[in-house]
Amino acid sequence: MLIPLLLTVSAAAQEAEITDDSVVDIDSATEMGGGMASYYSDELAGNRTASGERFDPDQLTAAHRTLPFGSMVRVTNTVNGDSVVVRINDRGPFSHGRVIDVSHAAARQIGMHRSGTARVKLALLNSN
């Protein structure tokens, strides 16, 4: 069961957008606890995020209340063990009891696109 998890994280990390010549070490992370995650509606596509960029449901991005924009976070679905690496580009979630909102692409990768929510663990990835 560990091998599929590692393959999922590696593939997601390769797709994640890295900027400012920084390198993200997916093996070096700071655990941040967890809670309930939800995902953005595709109806918000094209709207500006809090960081100023346009929301694209096909990108691996997320909203978090306090993390700096550009932070890379590994989101792991605790039910199935699937993980995805997302880049924080917005503020939220604004629903009580939620810790992160992910894009539709990220929700598909961790298997929460049908239910709309999932219990997740979060880890802030360290950059070099």
N, C-alpha and C. Protein backbone atom coordinates (compact mmCIF):
# COMPACT_ATOMS: atom_id res chain seq x y z
N MET A 1 0.82 -1.20 0.00
CA MET A 1 0.00 0.00 0.00
C MET A 1 0.86 1.26 0.00
N LEU A 2 2.06 1.20 0.47
CA LEU A 2 2.94 2.35 0.51
C LEU A 2 3.39 2.75 -0.89
N ILE A 3 3.61 1.81 -1.77
CA ILE A 3 4.11 2.12 -3.10
C ILE A 3 3.14 2.98 -3.89
N PRO A 4 1.83 2.67 -3.96
CA PRO A 4 0.93 3.56 -4.70
C PRO A 4 0.90 4.99 -4.14
N LEU A 5 1.00 5.12 -2.83
CA LEU A 5 1.01 6.44 -2.22
C LEU A 5 2.22 7.23 -2.69
N LEU A 6 3.39 6.62 -2.70
CA LEU A 6 4.60 7.31 -3.14
C LEU A 6 4.53 7.67 -4.61
N LEU A 7 3.97 6.81 -5.43
CA LEU A 7 3.84 7.11 -6.85
C LEU A 7 2.89 8.27 -7.07
N THR A 8 1.81 8.33 -6.32
CA THR A 8 0.86 9.42 -6.45
C THR A 8 1.50 10.74 -6.08
N VAL A 9 2.23 10.77 -4.97
CA VAL A 9 2.88 12.00 -4.55
C VAL A 9 3.92 12.44 -5.57
N SER A 10 4.72 11.51 -6.07
CA SER A 10 5.75 11.85 -7.04
C SER A 10 5.15 12.44 -8.31
N ALA A 11 4.09 11.84 -8.82
CA ALA A 11 3.45 12.36 -10.03
C ALA A 11 2.87 13.74 -9.78
N ALA A 12 2.26 13.93 -8.64
CA ALA A 12 1.67 15.24 -8.32
C ALA A 12 2.76 16.29 -8.17
N ALA A 13 3.87 15.92 -7.56
CA ALA A 13 4.96 16.87 -7.38
C ALA A 13 5.54 17.29 -8.71
N GLN A 14 5.59 16.37 -9.67
CA GLN A 14 6.11 16.70 -10.98
C GLN A 14 5.19 17.68 -11.69
N GLU A 15 3.88 17.61 -11.44
CA GLU A 15 2.94 18.49 -12.10
C GLU A 15 2.83 19.85 -11.41
N ALA A 16 3.26 19.93 -10.15
CA ALA A 16 3.14 21.18 -9.40
C ALA A 16 4.01 22.26 -10.03
N GLU A 17 3.48 23.47 -10.05
CA GLU A 17 4.21 24.58 -10.63
C GLU A 17 5.19 25.13 -9.58
N ILE A 18 6.47 25.17 -9.92
CA ILE A 18 7.50 25.69 -9.03
C ILE A 18 7.96 27.01 -9.63
N THR A 19 8.01 28.05 -8.79
CA THR A 19 8.40 29.36 -9.27
C THR A 19 9.60 29.87 -8.48
N ASP A 20 10.18 30.97 -8.92
CA ASP A 20 11.29 31.65 -8.25
C ASP A 20 12.51 30.75 -8.07
N ASP A 21 12.76 29.84 -8.99
CA ASP A 21 13.91 28.95 -8.95
C ASP A 21 14.00 28.15 -7.65
N SER A 22 12.90 28.01 -6.92
CA SER A 22 12.93 27.23 -5.69
C SER A 22 12.69 25.76 -6.03
N VAL A 23 13.19 24.91 -5.18
CA VAL A 23 13.00 23.48 -5.35
C VAL A 23 12.26 22.96 -4.14
N VAL A 24 11.20 22.21 -4.36
CA VAL A 24 10.41 21.67 -3.27
C VAL A 24 10.86 20.24 -3.03
N ASP A 25 11.17 19.94 -1.78
CA ASP A 25 11.60 18.61 -1.38
C ASP A 25 10.39 17.89 -0.81
N ILE A 26 9.82 16.94 -1.59
CA ILE A 26 8.60 16.27 -1.15
C ILE A 26 8.86 15.34 0.02
N ASP A 27 10.13 15.00 0.28
CA ASP A 27 10.45 14.13 1.42
C ASP A 27 10.65 14.92 2.70
N SER A 28 10.80 16.24 2.59
CA SER A 28 11.01 17.09 3.75
C SER A 28 9.78 17.97 3.94
N ALA A 29 8.97 17.62 4.91
CA ALA A 29 7.71 18.33 5.10
C ALA A 29 7.44 18.56 6.58
N THR A 30 6.68 19.59 6.87
CA THR A 30 6.25 19.90 8.23
C THR A 30 4.78 19.54 8.34
N GLU A 31 4.48 18.53 9.15
CA GLU A 31 3.08 18.11 9.33
C GLU A 31 2.30 19.26 9.96
N MET A 32 1.08 19.48 9.46
CA MET A 32 0.25 20.59 9.93
C MET A 32 -1.07 20.12 10.53
N GLY A 33 -1.23 18.84 10.77
CA GLY A 33 -2.51 18.35 11.26
C GLY A 33 -3.46 18.14 10.11
N GLY A 34 -4.72 18.31 10.36
CA GLY A 34 -5.68 18.07 9.30
C GLY A 34 -7.08 18.48 9.68
N GLY A 35 -8.03 17.96 8.95
CA GLY A 35 -9.43 18.28 9.14
C GLY A 35 -10.19 17.98 7.87
N MET A 36 -11.27 18.69 7.66
CA MET A 36 -12.11 18.47 6.48
C MET A 36 -11.68 19.42 5.35
N ALA A 37 -11.63 18.84 4.16
CA ALA A 37 -11.33 19.61 2.95
C ALA A 37 -12.55 19.60 2.04
N SER A 38 -12.65 20.62 1.23
CA SER A 38 -13.69 20.68 0.21
C SER A 38 -13.02 21.16 -1.07
N TYR A 39 -13.79 21.26 -2.16
CA TYR A 39 -13.17 21.79 -3.37
C TYR A 39 -14.05 22.84 -4.01
N TYR A 40 -13.35 23.70 -4.78
CA TYR A 40 -13.99 24.82 -5.46
C TYR A 40 -14.94 24.34 -6.54
N SER A 41 -15.99 25.06 -6.71
CA SER A 41 -16.91 24.81 -7.83
C SER A 41 -16.25 25.26 -9.13
N ASP A 42 -16.50 24.53 -10.20
CA ASP A 42 -15.98 24.93 -11.51
C ASP A 42 -16.58 26.25 -11.98
N GLU A 43 -17.70 26.64 -11.37
CA GLU A 43 -18.34 27.91 -11.74
C GLU A 43 -17.45 29.12 -11.43
N LEU A 44 -16.45 28.92 -10.55
CA LEU A 44 -15.56 30.02 -10.20
C LEU A 44 -14.39 30.16 -11.18
N ALA A 45 -14.31 29.30 -12.17
CA ALA A 45 -13.22 29.36 -13.15
C ALA A 45 -13.15 30.75 -13.77
N GLY A 46 -11.93 31.28 -13.81
CA GLY A 46 -11.70 32.60 -14.40
C GLY A 46 -11.78 33.74 -13.40
N ASN A 47 -12.40 33.51 -12.24
CA ASN A 47 -12.45 34.56 -11.22
C ASN A 47 -11.05 34.76 -10.64
N ARG A 48 -10.79 35.96 -10.17
CA ARG A 48 -9.51 36.27 -9.54
C ARG A 48 -9.46 35.66 -8.14
N THR A 49 -8.29 35.07 -7.81
CA THR A 49 -8.06 34.57 -6.46
C THR A 49 -7.50 35.71 -5.62
N ALA A 50 -7.34 35.49 -4.33
CA ALA A 50 -6.79 36.52 -3.45
C ALA A 50 -5.36 36.90 -3.85
N SER A 51 -4.65 35.99 -4.49
CA SER A 51 -3.28 36.30 -4.93
C SER A 51 -3.25 37.11 -6.22
N GLY A 52 -4.40 37.26 -6.87
CA GLY A 52 -4.48 38.05 -8.09
C GLY A 52 -4.52 37.23 -9.36
N GLU A 53 -4.19 35.95 -9.27
CA GLU A 53 -4.24 35.13 -10.49
C GLU A 53 -5.65 34.62 -10.72
N ARG A 54 -5.93 34.19 -11.91
CA ARG A 54 -7.25 33.65 -12.23
C ARG A 54 -7.33 32.19 -11.81
N PHE A 55 -8.49 31.82 -11.25
CA PHE A 55 -8.69 30.44 -10.82
C PHE A 55 -8.88 29.54 -12.02
N ASP A 56 -8.12 28.44 -12.04
CA ASP A 56 -8.22 27.44 -13.10
C ASP A 56 -8.46 26.10 -12.41
N PRO A 57 -9.64 25.50 -12.57
CA PRO A 57 -9.95 24.25 -11.89
C PRO A 57 -9.07 23.08 -12.31
N ASP A 58 -8.34 23.23 -13.43
CA ASP A 58 -7.46 22.16 -13.90
C ASP A 58 -6.04 22.25 -13.35
N GLN A 59 -5.75 23.28 -12.57
CA GLN A 59 -4.44 23.42 -11.94
C GLN A 59 -4.49 22.85 -10.52
N LEU A 60 -3.34 22.46 -10.00
CA LEU A 60 -3.27 21.91 -8.64
C LEU A 60 -3.02 23.04 -7.65
N THR A 61 -4.11 23.73 -7.30
CA THR A 61 -4.03 24.88 -6.40
C THR A 61 -5.03 24.71 -5.26
N ALA A 62 -4.91 25.61 -4.25
CA ALA A 62 -5.78 25.51 -3.09
C ALA A 62 -5.88 26.85 -2.38
N ALA A 63 -6.89 26.93 -1.51
CA ALA A 63 -7.07 28.09 -0.64
C ALA A 63 -6.83 27.65 0.80
N HIS A 64 -6.08 28.49 1.54
CA HIS A 64 -5.82 28.26 2.95
C HIS A 64 -5.93 29.60 3.64
N ARG A 65 -6.36 29.59 4.90
CA ARG A 65 -6.59 30.85 5.61
C ARG A 65 -5.32 31.64 5.89
N THR A 66 -4.20 30.96 6.20
CA THR A 66 -3.04 31.70 6.71
C THR A 66 -1.73 31.45 5.98
N LEU A 67 -1.57 30.36 5.26
CA LEU A 67 -0.29 30.07 4.62
C LEU A 67 0.03 31.11 3.54
N PRO A 68 1.30 31.45 3.39
CA PRO A 68 1.68 32.42 2.35
C PRO A 68 1.36 31.89 0.95
N PHE A 69 1.00 32.81 0.05
CA PHE A 69 0.78 32.43 -1.34
C PHE A 69 2.07 31.81 -1.88
N GLY A 70 1.90 30.77 -2.68
CA GLY A 70 3.05 30.07 -3.23
C GLY A 70 3.50 28.87 -2.40
N SER A 71 3.00 28.75 -1.18
CA SER A 71 3.35 27.60 -0.35
C SER A 71 2.89 26.32 -1.02
N MET A 72 3.70 25.28 -0.92
CA MET A 72 3.36 23.98 -1.47
C MET A 72 2.94 23.07 -0.32
N VAL A 73 1.77 22.46 -0.46
CA VAL A 73 1.18 21.66 0.61
C VAL A 73 0.80 20.29 0.06
N ARG A 74 1.20 19.24 0.79
CA ARG A 74 0.74 17.89 0.43
C ARG A 74 -0.56 17.65 1.18
N VAL A 75 -1.61 17.32 0.43
CA VAL A 75 -2.93 17.04 0.99
C VAL A 75 -3.17 15.54 0.82
N THR A 76 -3.40 14.84 1.93
CA THR A 76 -3.58 13.39 1.89
C THR A 76 -4.97 13.03 2.39
N ASN A 77 -5.73 12.33 1.56
CA ASN A 77 -7.04 11.83 1.93
C ASN A 77 -6.81 10.69 2.93
N THR A 78 -7.32 10.82 4.15
CA THR A 78 -7.06 9.82 5.19
C THR A 78 -7.81 8.51 4.96
N VAL A 79 -8.86 8.53 4.16
CA VAL A 79 -9.63 7.32 3.90
C VAL A 79 -8.92 6.39 2.93
N ASN A 80 -8.40 6.94 1.81
CA ASN A 80 -7.80 6.09 0.79
C ASN A 80 -6.28 6.24 0.69
N GLY A 81 -5.69 7.20 1.40
CA GLY A 81 -4.24 7.39 1.38
C GLY A 81 -3.70 8.13 0.18
N ASP A 82 -4.55 8.54 -0.75
CA ASP A 82 -4.09 9.27 -1.93
C ASP A 82 -3.66 10.69 -1.55
N SER A 83 -2.58 11.16 -2.17
CA SER A 83 -2.04 12.49 -1.88
C SER A 83 -1.88 13.29 -3.16
N VAL A 84 -1.87 14.60 -2.98
CA VAL A 84 -1.62 15.52 -4.08
C VAL A 84 -0.87 16.72 -3.50
N VAL A 85 0.01 17.31 -4.29
CA VAL A 85 0.72 18.52 -3.89
C VAL A 85 0.05 19.70 -4.57
N VAL A 86 -0.37 20.68 -3.76
CA VAL A 86 -1.04 21.87 -4.28
C VAL A 86 -0.25 23.12 -3.92
N ARG A 87 -0.48 24.18 -4.70
CA ARG A 87 0.13 25.48 -4.43
C ARG A 87 -0.96 26.40 -3.90
N ILE A 88 -0.68 27.07 -2.78
CA ILE A 88 -1.66 27.99 -2.19
C ILE A 88 -1.68 29.28 -3.01
N ASN A 89 -2.89 29.63 -3.51
CA ASN A 89 -3.02 30.87 -4.29
C ASN A 89 -4.27 31.66 -3.92
N ASP A 90 -4.96 31.23 -2.85
CA ASP A 90 -6.19 31.92 -2.49
C ASP A 90 -6.41 31.82 -0.98
N ARG A 91 -7.35 32.58 -0.47
CA ARG A 91 -7.72 32.56 0.94
C ARG A 91 -9.03 31.80 1.09
N GLY A 92 -9.19 31.16 2.22
CA GLY A 92 -10.37 30.36 2.50
C GLY A 92 -9.91 29.11 3.18
N PRO A 93 -10.72 28.15 3.40
CA PRO A 93 -12.15 28.14 3.10
C PRO A 93 -12.93 28.97 4.13
N PHE A 94 -14.12 29.34 3.74
CA PHE A 94 -14.96 30.16 4.61
C PHE A 94 -16.09 29.36 5.23
N SER A 95 -16.16 28.07 4.95
CA SER A 95 -17.14 27.19 5.58
C SER A 95 -16.60 26.74 6.93
N HIS A 96 -17.44 26.76 7.93
CA HIS A 96 -17.03 26.35 9.28
C HIS A 96 -16.55 24.90 9.27
N GLY A 97 -15.43 24.65 9.91
CA GLY A 97 -14.92 23.29 10.06
C GLY A 97 -14.06 22.80 8.92
N ARG A 98 -13.83 23.62 7.90
CA ARG A 98 -12.98 23.21 6.77
C ARG A 98 -11.59 23.80 6.96
N VAL A 99 -10.55 23.05 6.56
CA VAL A 99 -9.18 23.53 6.72
C VAL A 99 -8.54 23.94 5.40
N ILE A 100 -9.06 23.44 4.27
CA ILE A 100 -8.49 23.77 2.96
C ILE A 100 -9.55 23.54 1.89
N ASP A 101 -9.50 24.38 0.85
CA ASP A 101 -10.30 24.19 -0.36
C ASP A 101 -9.33 23.89 -1.48
N VAL A 102 -9.54 22.82 -2.21
CA VAL A 102 -8.64 22.47 -3.31
C VAL A 102 -9.36 22.63 -4.63
N SER A 103 -8.59 22.71 -5.70
CA SER A 103 -9.17 22.79 -7.04
C SER A 103 -9.80 21.45 -7.41
N HIS A 104 -10.60 21.47 -8.47
CA HIS A 104 -11.26 20.24 -8.93
C HIS A 104 -10.22 19.20 -9.35
N ALA A 105 -9.14 19.63 -10.00
CA ALA A 105 -8.08 18.68 -10.41
C ALA A 105 -7.47 17.99 -9.20
N ALA A 106 -7.21 18.74 -8.15
CA ALA A 106 -6.64 18.16 -6.93
C ALA A 106 -7.64 17.22 -6.27
N ALA A 107 -8.91 17.61 -6.27
CA ALA A 107 -9.96 16.76 -5.67
C ALA A 107 -10.05 15.42 -6.40
N ARG A 108 -9.94 15.44 -7.72
CA ARG A 108 -9.96 14.19 -8.49
C ARG A 108 -8.78 13.30 -8.10
N GLN A 109 -7.60 13.89 -7.93
CA GLN A 109 -6.41 13.09 -7.63
C GLN A 109 -6.48 12.39 -6.28
N ILE A 110 -7.20 12.97 -5.33
CA ILE A 110 -7.28 12.32 -4.02
C ILE A 110 -8.64 11.65 -3.79
N GLY A 111 -9.45 11.58 -4.83
CA GLY A 111 -10.69 10.82 -4.76
C GLY A 111 -11.81 11.45 -3.95
N MET A 112 -11.88 12.78 -3.93
CA MET A 112 -12.97 13.44 -3.20
C MET A 112 -13.90 14.22 -4.12
N HIS A 113 -13.75 14.05 -5.43
CA HIS A 113 -14.54 14.84 -6.37
C HIS A 113 -16.01 14.44 -6.39
N ARG A 114 -16.34 13.23 -5.99
CA ARG A 114 -17.75 12.81 -5.98
C ARG A 114 -18.45 13.24 -4.68
N SER A 115 -17.78 13.05 -3.57
CA SER A 115 -18.39 13.37 -2.28
C SER A 115 -18.37 14.88 -1.99
N GLY A 116 -17.37 15.57 -2.53
CA GLY A 116 -17.27 17.01 -2.30
C GLY A 116 -16.43 17.38 -1.10
N THR A 117 -16.29 16.48 -0.16
CA THR A 117 -15.47 16.72 1.02
C THR A 117 -14.71 15.45 1.37
N ALA A 118 -13.65 15.62 2.16
CA ALA A 118 -12.89 14.47 2.65
C ALA A 118 -12.10 14.89 3.87
N ARG A 119 -11.86 13.96 4.77
CA ARG A 119 -10.97 14.20 5.90
C ARG A 119 -9.54 14.06 5.36
N VAL A 120 -8.71 15.07 5.63
CA VAL A 120 -7.35 15.10 5.08
C VAL A 120 -6.32 15.42 6.15
N LYS A 121 -5.07 15.08 5.83
CA LYS A 121 -3.91 15.52 6.59
C LYS A 121 -3.15 16.48 5.69
N LEU A 122 -2.55 17.51 6.30
CA LEU A 122 -1.81 18.51 5.55
C LEU A 122 -0.35 18.50 5.98
N ALA A 123 0.54 18.69 5.02
CA ALA A 123 1.97 18.81 5.30
C ALA A 123 2.54 19.93 4.42
N LEU A 124 3.18 20.89 5.06
CA LEU A 124 3.81 21.99 4.34
C LEU A 124 5.16 21.50 3.82
N LEU A 125 5.36 21.56 2.50
CA LEU A 125 6.61 21.08 1.91
C LEU A 125 7.66 22.16 2.01
N ASN A 126 8.85 21.75 2.36
CA ASN A 126 9.95 22.69 2.53
C ASN A 126 10.62 22.93 1.19
N SER A 127 10.99 24.18 0.93
CA SER A 127 11.69 24.50 -0.32
C SER A 127 13.14 24.83 0.03
N ASN A 128 14.01 24.58 -0.94
CA ASN A 128 15.44 24.83 -0.73
C ASN A 128 15.80 26.20 -1.24
